[in-house]
C-alpha atoms as a PDB file:
ATOM      1  CA  MET A   1      -2.100  52.968 -11.752  1.00  0.00           C
ATOM      2  CA  ASN A   2      -4.241  55.983 -12.663  1.00  0.00           C
ATOM      3  CA  ILE A   3      -6.320  56.217 -15.834  1.00  0.00           C
ATOM      4  CA  ASN A   4      -5.472  59.926 -16.134  1.00  0.00           C
ATOM      5  CA  ASP A   5      -1.850  58.903 -16.766  1.00  0.00           C
ATOM      6  CA  PHE A   6      -2.806  57.192 -20.035  1.00  0.00           C
ATOM      7  CA  LYS A   7      -2.047  59.136 -23.216  1.00  0.00           C
ATOM      8  CA  ILE A   8      -5.198  60.073 -25.186  1.00  0.00           C
ATOM      9  CA  THR A   9      -5.287  61.107 -28.861  1.00  0.00           C
ATOM     10  CA  GLU A  10      -7.922  61.355 -31.588  1.00  0.00           C
ATOM     11  CA  GLU A  11      -7.804  59.212 -34.709  1.00  0.00           C
ATOM     12  CA  SER A  12      -9.948  58.395 -37.735  1.00  0.00           C
ATOM     13  CA  TYR A  13     -10.244  55.100 -39.575  1.00  0.00           C
ATOM     14  CA  LYS A  14     -11.154  54.804 -43.235  1.00  0.00           C
ATOM     15  CA  GLN A  15     -13.406  51.953 -44.331  1.00  0.00           C
ATOM     16  CA  GLN A  16     -11.255  48.929 -45.100  1.00  0.00           C
ATOM     17  CA  MET A  17     -11.369  45.203 -45.648  1.00  0.00           C
ATOM     18  CA  MET A  18     -10.831  42.808 -42.773  1.00  0.00           C
ATOM     19  CA  VAL A  19     -10.760  39.138 -41.851  1.00  0.00           C
ATOM     20  CA  TYR A  20     -12.125  38.081 -38.507  1.00  0.00           C
ATOM     21  CA  ALA A  21     -13.208  35.262 -36.245  1.00  0.00           C
ATOM     22  CA  ARG A  22     -16.261  35.418 -34.001  1.00  0.00           C
ATOM     23  CA  ARG A  23     -17.439  33.625 -30.921  1.00  0.00           C
ATOM     24  CA  THR A  24     -20.848  33.995 -29.332  1.00  0.00           C
ATOM     25  CA  GLY A  25     -21.331  33.632 -25.600  1.00  0.00           C
ATOM     26  CA  THR A  26     -20.528  35.195 -22.273  1.00  0.00           C
ATOM     27  CA  TYR A  27     -17.446  37.396 -22.418  1.00  0.00           C
ATOM     28  CA  GLY A  28     -14.465  36.037 -20.536  1.00  0.00           C
ATOM     29  CA  VAL A  29     -11.649  33.527 -20.850  1.00  0.00           C
ATOM     30  CA  GLU A  30     -13.015  32.119 -24.114  1.00  0.00           C
ATOM     31  CA  ASN A  31     -12.418  35.519 -25.762  1.00  0.00           C
ATOM     32  CA  ALA A  32      -8.734  35.314 -24.814  1.00  0.00           C
ATOM     33  CA  ILE A  33      -8.569  31.761 -26.189  1.00  0.00           C
ATOM     34  CA  LEU A  34     -10.032  32.923 -29.511  1.00  0.00           C
ATOM     35  CA  MET A  35      -7.551  35.827 -29.629  1.00  0.00           C
ATOM     36  CA  GLU A  36      -4.610  33.447 -29.107  1.00  0.00           C
ATOM     37  CA  LYS A  37      -5.884  31.036 -31.772  1.00  0.00           C
ATOM     38  CA  PHE A  38      -6.352  33.950 -34.176  1.00  0.00           C
ATOM     39  CA  LYS A  39      -2.862  35.361 -33.506  1.00  0.00           C
ATOM     40  CA  HIS A  40      -1.350  31.929 -34.204  1.00  0.00           C
ATOM     41  CA  TRP A  41      -3.301  31.739 -37.463  1.00  0.00           C
ATOM     42  CA  VAL A  42      -2.085  35.222 -38.463  1.00  0.00           C
ATOM     43  CA  ALA A  43       1.526  34.221 -37.758  1.00  0.00           C
ATOM     44  CA  ASP A  44       1.216  30.799 -39.440  1.00  0.00           C
ATOM     45  CA  CYS A  45      -0.133  32.485 -42.591  1.00  0.00           C
ATOM     46  CA  GLY A  46       2.803  34.899 -42.668  1.00  0.00           C
ATOM     47  CA  PHE A  47       0.572  37.919 -42.084  1.00  0.00           C
ATOM     48  CA  MET A  48       2.342  39.012 -38.868  1.00  0.00           C
ATOM     49  CA  THR A  49       4.613  42.023 -39.477  1.00  0.00           C
ATOM     50  CA  ASP A  50       5.563  45.088 -37.442  1.00  0.00           C
ATOM     51  CA  GLU A  51       2.577  46.844 -39.077  1.00  0.00           C
ATOM     52  CA  THR A  52       0.026  44.165 -38.158  1.00  0.00           C
ATOM     53  CA  VAL A  53      -3.050  45.453 -36.320  1.00  0.00           C
ATOM     54  CA  ILE A  54      -5.374  43.047 -34.512  1.00  0.00           C
ATOM     55  CA  LEU A  55      -8.572  44.282 -32.902  1.00  0.00           C
ATOM     56  CA  GLY A  56     -10.666  42.744 -30.153  1.00  0.00           C
ATOM     57  CA  ILE A  57     -14.282  43.893 -30.399  1.00  0.00           C
ATOM     58  CA  ALA A  58     -16.975  43.097 -27.866  1.00  0.00           C
ATOM     59  CA  GLN A  59     -19.932  43.772 -30.165  1.00  0.00           C
ATOM     60  CA  ASP A  60     -22.687  43.693 -27.566  1.00  0.00           C
ATOM     61  CA  ASP A  61     -23.464  45.267 -24.204  1.00  0.00           C
ATOM     62  CA  MET A  62     -24.160  42.472 -21.692  1.00  0.00           C
ATOM     63  CA  ARG A  63     -26.461  44.833 -19.778  1.00  0.00           C
ATOM     64  CA  ILE A  64     -28.782  44.795 -22.810  1.00  0.00           C
ATOM     65  CA  ILE A  65     -28.066  41.559 -24.697  1.00  0.00           C
ATOM     66  CA  PRO A  66     -28.309  38.205 -22.893  1.00  0.00           C
ATOM     67  CA  PRO A  67     -24.718  37.081 -22.158  1.00  0.00           C
ATOM     68  CA  GLU A  68     -25.106  33.848 -24.128  1.00  0.00           C
ATOM     69  CA  GLN A  69     -25.907  35.935 -27.260  1.00  0.00           C
ATOM     70  CA  CYS A  70     -22.983  38.379 -26.948  1.00  0.00           C
ATOM     71  CA  ARG A  71     -20.602  38.460 -29.921  1.00  0.00           C
ATOM     72  CA  TYR A  72     -16.840  38.906 -29.680  1.00  0.00           C
ATOM     73  CA  ASP A  73     -14.750  39.438 -32.811  1.00  0.00           C
ATOM     74  CA  VAL A  74     -11.006  39.316 -33.348  1.00  0.00           C
ATOM     75  CA  VAL A  75     -10.082  41.252 -36.455  1.00  0.00           C
ATOM     76  CA  LEU A  76      -7.090  41.578 -38.758  1.00  0.00           C
ATOM     77  CA  LEU A  77      -7.328  44.754 -40.795  1.00  0.00           C
ATOM     78  CA  GLY A  78      -6.447  44.372 -44.467  1.00  0.00           C
ATOM     79  CA  ASN A  79      -7.432  42.412 -47.538  1.00  0.00           C
ATOM     80  CA  TYR A  80      -6.386  38.799 -46.897  1.00  0.00           C
ATOM     81  CA  GLU A  81      -7.443  35.536 -48.506  1.00  0.00           C
ATOM     82  CA  THR A  82      -8.082  32.334 -46.588  1.00  0.00           C
ATOM     83  CA  ASN A  83      -9.802  28.992 -46.988  1.00  0.00           C
ATOM     84  CA  GLU A  84     -10.278  28.554 -43.240  1.00  0.00           C
ATOM     85  CA  GLU A  85     -13.946  27.958 -42.416  1.00  0.00           C
ATOM     86  CA  TRP A  86     -13.688  29.703 -39.034  1.00  0.00           C
ATOM     87  CA  ILE A  87     -12.314  32.913 -40.594  1.00  0.00           C
ATOM     88  CA  ARG A  88     -14.757  35.363 -42.171  1.00  0.00           C
ATOM     89  CA  THR A  89     -14.225  38.388 -44.388  1.00  0.00           C
ATOM     90  CA  GLY A  90     -15.919  41.717 -43.940  1.00  0.00           C
ATOM     91  CA  VAL A  91     -15.603  45.471 -43.983  1.00  0.00           C
ATOM     92  CA  PHE A  92     -14.405  47.536 -41.043  1.00  0.00           C
ATOM     93  CA  GLN A  93     -16.487  50.698 -41.060  1.00  0.00           C
ATOM     94  CA  ALA A  94     -14.981  54.177 -41.057  1.00  0.00           C
ATOM     95  CA  GLY A  95     -15.137  56.093 -37.808  1.00  0.00           C
ATOM     96  CA  LYS A  96     -13.543  58.516 -35.380  1.00  0.00           C
ATOM     97  CA  TYR A  97     -12.078  57.408 -32.064  1.00  0.00           C
ATOM     98  CA  MET A  98     -10.430  58.677 -28.929  1.00  0.00           C
ATOM     99  CA  VAL A  99      -7.423  56.398 -28.532  1.00  0.00           C
ATOM    100  CA  MET A 100      -6.201  55.607 -25.033  1.00  0.00           C
ATOM    101  CA  GLU A 101      -2.675  54.158 -24.911  1.00  0.00           C
ATOM    102  CA  LEU A 102      -2.049  51.887 -21.949  1.00  0.00           C
ATOM    103  CA  PRO A 103       0.245  49.163 -20.669  1.00  0.00           C
ATOM    104  CA  HIS A 104      -0.529  45.761 -22.171  1.00  0.00           C
ATOM    105  CA  THR A 105      -1.509  44.240 -18.834  1.00  0.00           C
ATOM    106  CA  ALA A 106      -4.745  42.734 -17.556  1.00  0.00           C
ATOM    107  CA  GLU A 107      -4.838  45.407 -14.828  1.00  0.00           C
ATOM    108  CA  ALA A 108      -4.545  48.341 -17.258  1.00  0.00           C
ATOM    109  CA  ILE A 109      -7.050  46.905 -19.735  1.00  0.00           C
ATOM    110  CA  SER A 110      -9.526  46.267 -16.919  1.00  0.00           C
ATOM    111  CA  LEU A 111      -9.047  49.835 -15.661  1.00  0.00           C
ATOM    112  CA  ALA A 112      -9.671  51.246 -19.151  1.00  0.00           C
ATOM    113  CA  TRP A 113     -12.863  49.189 -19.464  1.00  0.00           C
ATOM    114  CA  GLN A 114     -14.067  50.255 -16.004  1.00  0.00           C
ATOM    115  CA  GLU A 115     -13.158  53.955 -16.083  1.00  0.00           C
ATOM    116  CA  GLY A 116     -12.418  54.910 -19.696  1.00  0.00           C
ATOM    117  CA  ILE A 117     -15.894  56.043 -20.714  1.00  0.00           C
ATOM    118  CA  GLN A 118     -16.467  58.133 -17.598  1.00  0.00           C
ATOM    119  CA  THR A 119     -13.001  59.670 -17.876  1.00  0.00           C
ATOM    120  CA  LEU A 120     -13.617  60.770 -21.466  1.00  0.00           C
ATOM    121  CA  LEU A 121     -17.117  62.065 -20.686  1.00  0.00           C
ATOM    122  CA  SER A 122     -15.684  64.124 -17.809  1.00  0.00           C
ATOM    123  CA  LYS A 123     -13.363  65.768 -20.356  1.00  0.00           C
ATOM    124  CA  GLY A 124     -16.383  66.807 -22.456  1.00  0.00           C
ATOM    125  CA  ILE A 125     -15.795  64.230 -25.197  1.00  0.00           C
ATOM    126  CA  LYS A 126     -18.966  63.187 -27.044  1.00  0.00           C
ATOM    127  CA  LEU A 127     -18.892  59.408 -27.279  1.00  0.00           C
ATOM    128  CA  ASP A 128     -20.867  57.466 -29.880  1.00  0.00           C
ATOM    129  CA  PHE A 129     -22.582  54.733 -27.880  1.00  0.00           C
ATOM    130  CA  SER A 130     -24.011  53.136 -31.049  1.00  0.00           C
ATOM    131  CA  LYS A 131     -20.561  51.636 -31.796  1.00  0.00           C
ATOM    132  CA  PRO A 132     -18.446  49.286 -29.676  1.00  0.00           C
ATOM    133  CA  VAL A 133     -15.270  50.149 -27.805  1.00  0.00           C
ATOM    134  CA  ILE A 134     -12.314  48.400 -29.452  1.00  0.00           C
ATOM    135  CA  GLU A 135      -9.132  46.930 -28.039  1.00  0.00           C
ATOM    136  CA  ARG A 136      -6.290  47.534 -30.520  1.00  0.00           C
ATOM    137  CA  TYR A 137      -3.111  45.500 -30.549  1.00  0.00           C
ATOM    138  CA  GLN A 138      -0.481  46.817 -32.966  1.00  0.00           C
ATOM    139  CA  LYS A 139       2.447  44.403 -33.062  1.00  0.00           C
ATOM    140  CA  ARG A 140       5.041  47.171 -32.860  1.00  0.00           C
ATOM    141  CA  MET A 141       3.340  48.479 -29.699  1.00  0.00           C
ATOM    142  CA  VAL A 142       2.684  45.077 -28.102  1.00  0.00           C
ATOM    143  CA  ASP A 143       6.413  44.389 -28.526  1.00  0.00           C
ATOM    144  CA  LYS A 144       6.887  47.423 -26.213  1.00  0.00           C
ATOM    145  CA  HIS A 145       4.206  46.079 -23.807  1.00  0.00           C
ATOM    146  CA  LEU A 146       1.609  48.663 -24.897  1.00  0.00           C
ATOM    147  CA  CYS A 147      -1.892  48.428 -26.366  1.00  0.00           C
ATOM    148  CA  GLU A 148      -4.803  50.782 -26.973  1.00  0.00           C
ATOM    149  CA  MET A 149      -8.505  51.198 -26.359  1.00  0.00           C
ATOM    150  CA  LEU A 150     -10.498  52.995 -29.052  1.00  0.00           C
ATOM    151  CA  PHE A 151     -13.605  54.814 -27.852  1.00  0.00           C
ATOM    152  CA  PRO A 152     -15.943  55.805 -30.710  1.00  0.00           C
ATOM    153  CA  ILE A 153     -16.779  59.505 -30.964  1.00  0.00           C
ATOM    154  CA  TYR A 154     -18.944  61.710 -33.185  1.00  0.00           C
END
């Protein structure tokens, strides 16, 4: 598997409403557990359609923030109502991204995390390091075993 084989496009997001769940602590297996719990909630509420977009956002850089204080959010874009105490509402901020399409496998996602930034920088892309990299899971793509990494740009 070679990161240069992944399709890369540019995309902009408009500001929009979102619902999300957050956990604080060292990144790892617990993030995947939260994602699964969140996906089940989305499905149980009837919010899961072919157009559903769920984001995984590691908000903090563990090289700077102590691991036990790192925040991980799972996000459903859109204006949804819920009474669940563990689900929050918020606003997803507008921004521009380089979108890297990759196989929805642990190996490909790990490769994108390890080499994605350097690959884009080597192509002369100006990354915005003030914003987090985002994992994007669009249901229609996940059904085809694909997902995306969004790298913020200026």
